[in-house]
């Protein structure tokens, strides 16, 4: 897997984990700040733009959230136990 693909997968994993952790919590909706993504994954602009174009993530100002399509893509690329 090339570097750009790895970055996209890392971003999806971060957003997936955040949304899953907040599922069912009051006033929590799985949004992650752009700064937190940058701390988790270096050099995010290209990866974020591609994920947005593919509709795998949503953007609200400086926050991002994985979509249903992104969840499916993330789970399809995640090895099962």
C-alpha atoms as a PDB file:
ATOM      1  CA  UNK A   1       0.000   0.000   0.000  1.00  0.00           C
ATOM      2  CA  UNK A   2       1.457   3.401  -0.930  1.00  0.00           C
ATOM      3  CA  UNK A   3       1.885   6.290   1.515  1.00  0.00           C
ATOM      4  CA  UNK A   4      -1.234   8.196   0.400  1.00  0.00           C
ATOM      5  CA  UNK A   5      -3.419   5.100   0.725  1.00  0.00           C
ATOM      6  CA  UNK A   6      -1.977   4.436   4.187  1.00  0.00           C
ATOM      7  CA  UNK A   7      -2.757   8.003   5.267  1.00  0.00           C
ATOM      8  CA  UNK A   8      -6.336   7.723   4.035  1.00  0.00           C
ATOM      9  CA  UNK A   9      -6.781   4.450   5.890  1.00  0.00           C
ATOM     10  CA  UNK A  10      -5.280   5.926   9.066  1.00  0.00           C
ATOM     11  CA  UNK A  11      -7.674   8.878   8.896  1.00  0.00           C
ATOM     12  CA  UNK A  12     -10.634   6.552   8.400  1.00  0.00           C
ATOM     13  CA  UNK A  13      -9.489   4.488  11.395  1.00  0.00           C
ATOM     14  CA  UNK A  14      -9.233   7.574  13.626  1.00  0.00           C
ATOM     15  CA  UNK A  15     -12.669   8.814  12.563  1.00  0.00           C
ATOM     16  CA  UNK A  16     -14.187   5.321  12.830  1.00  0.00           C
ATOM     17  CA  UNK A  17     -12.855   4.889  16.368  1.00  0.00           C
ATOM     18  CA  UNK A  18     -14.138   8.329  17.397  1.00  0.00           C
ATOM     19  CA  UNK A  19     -17.618   7.752  15.997  1.00  0.00           C
ATOM     20  CA  UNK A  20     -17.837   4.268  17.504  1.00  0.00           C
ATOM     21  CA  UNK A  21     -16.705   5.536  20.921  1.00  0.00           C
ATOM     22  CA  UNK A  22     -19.352   8.252  20.914  1.00  0.00           C
ATOM     23  CA  UNK A  23     -22.224   6.155  19.556  1.00  0.00           C
ATOM     24  CA  UNK A  24     -25.243   6.543  21.797  1.00  0.00           C
ATOM     25  CA  UNK A  25     -23.741   9.247  24.006  1.00  0.00           C
ATOM     26  CA  UNK A  26     -25.879  12.328  24.454  1.00  0.00           C
ATOM     27  CA  UNK A  27     -24.762  15.331  22.402  1.00  0.00           C
ATOM     28  CA  UNK A  28     -21.899  13.364  20.856  1.00  0.00           C
ATOM     29  CA  UNK A  29     -21.877  12.795  17.143  1.00  0.00           C
ATOM     30  CA  UNK A  30     -18.450  11.464  16.226  1.00  0.00           C
ATOM     31  CA  UNK A  31     -16.878  14.679  14.936  1.00  0.00           C
ATOM     32  CA  UNK A  32     -13.091  14.994  15.227  1.00  0.00           C
ATOM     33  CA  UNK A  33     -11.144  18.235  15.097  1.00  0.00           C
ATOM     34  CA  UNK A  34      -8.777  18.726  12.166  1.00  0.00           C
ATOM     35  CA  UNK A  35      -5.946  19.409  14.609  1.00  0.00           C
ATOM     36  CA  UNK A  36      -6.485  15.993  16.222  1.00  0.00           C
ATOM     37  CA  UNK A  37      -6.306  14.327  12.809  1.00  0.00           C
ATOM     38  CA  UNK A  38      -3.079  16.169  12.023  1.00  0.00           C
ATOM     39  CA  UNK A  39      -1.615  14.944  15.321  1.00  0.00           C
ATOM     40  CA  UNK A  40      -2.563  11.350  14.474  1.00  0.00           C
ATOM     41  CA  UNK A  41      -1.599  11.406  10.781  1.00  0.00           C
ATOM     42  CA  UNK A  42       1.082  13.604   9.220  1.00  0.00           C
ATOM     43  CA  UNK A  43       0.410  15.632   6.071  1.00  0.00           C
ATOM     44  CA  UNK A  44      -3.381  15.276   5.884  1.00  0.00           C
ATOM     45  CA  UNK A  45      -4.571  17.795   3.220  1.00  0.00           C
ATOM     46  CA  UNK A  46      -4.368  15.510   0.180  1.00  0.00           C
ATOM     47  CA  UNK A  47      -5.790  12.508   2.019  1.00  0.00           C
ATOM     48  CA  UNK A  48      -8.669  14.559   3.430  1.00  0.00           C
ATOM     49  CA  UNK A  49      -9.506  16.037   0.033  1.00  0.00           C
ATOM     50  CA  UNK A  50      -9.678  12.576  -1.555  1.00  0.00           C
ATOM     51  CA  UNK A  51     -11.798  11.145   1.281  1.00  0.00           C
ATOM     52  CA  UNK A  52     -14.193  14.094   0.963  1.00  0.00           C
ATOM     53  CA  UNK A  53     -14.409  13.624  -2.807  1.00  0.00           C
ATOM     54  CA  UNK A  54     -15.225   9.927  -2.323  1.00  0.00           C
ATOM     55  CA  UNK A  55     -17.880  10.861   0.310  1.00  0.00           C
ATOM     56  CA  UNK A  56     -16.113   8.717   2.921  1.00  0.00           C
ATOM     57  CA  UNK A  57     -15.995  11.669   5.309  1.00  0.00           C
ATOM     58  CA  UNK A  58     -17.941  14.869   5.968  1.00  0.00           C
ATOM     59  CA  UNK A  59     -16.555  18.256   6.891  1.00  0.00           C
ATOM     60  CA  UNK A  60     -18.071  20.909   9.131  1.00  0.00           C
ATOM     61  CA  UNK A  61     -15.665  23.820   9.398  1.00  0.00           C
ATOM     62  CA  UNK A  62     -12.580  22.349  11.049  1.00  0.00           C
ATOM     63  CA  UNK A  63     -14.237  19.104  12.116  1.00  0.00           C
ATOM     64  CA  UNK A  64     -14.518  15.804  10.265  1.00  0.00           C
ATOM     65  CA  UNK A  65     -16.760  12.767  10.630  1.00  0.00           C
ATOM     66  CA  UNK A  66     -16.765   9.388   8.905  1.00  0.00           C
ATOM     67  CA  UNK A  67     -19.849   8.622   6.791  1.00  0.00           C
ATOM     68  CA  UNK A  68     -21.622   5.300   6.372  1.00  0.00           C
ATOM     69  CA  UNK A  69     -19.680   4.751   3.153  1.00  0.00           C
ATOM     70  CA  UNK A  70     -16.470   5.479   5.032  1.00  0.00           C
ATOM     71  CA  UNK A  71     -17.391   2.980   7.740  1.00  0.00           C
ATOM     72  CA  UNK A  72     -17.916   0.269   5.116  1.00  0.00           C
ATOM     73  CA  UNK A  73     -14.618   1.117   3.422  1.00  0.00           C
ATOM     74  CA  UNK A  74     -12.803   1.102   6.752  1.00  0.00           C
ATOM     75  CA  UNK A  75     -14.293  -2.231   7.810  1.00  0.00           C
ATOM     76  CA  UNK A  76     -13.554  -3.795   4.415  1.00  0.00           C
ATOM     77  CA  UNK A  77      -9.869  -2.913   4.805  1.00  0.00           C
ATOM     78  CA  UNK A  78      -9.637  -3.973   8.469  1.00  0.00           C
ATOM     79  CA  UNK A  79      -8.497  -7.535   9.137  1.00  0.00           C
ATOM     80  CA  UNK A  80     -10.888  -9.593  11.239  1.00  0.00           C
ATOM     81  CA  UNK A  81      -9.819 -11.641  14.245  1.00  0.00           C
END
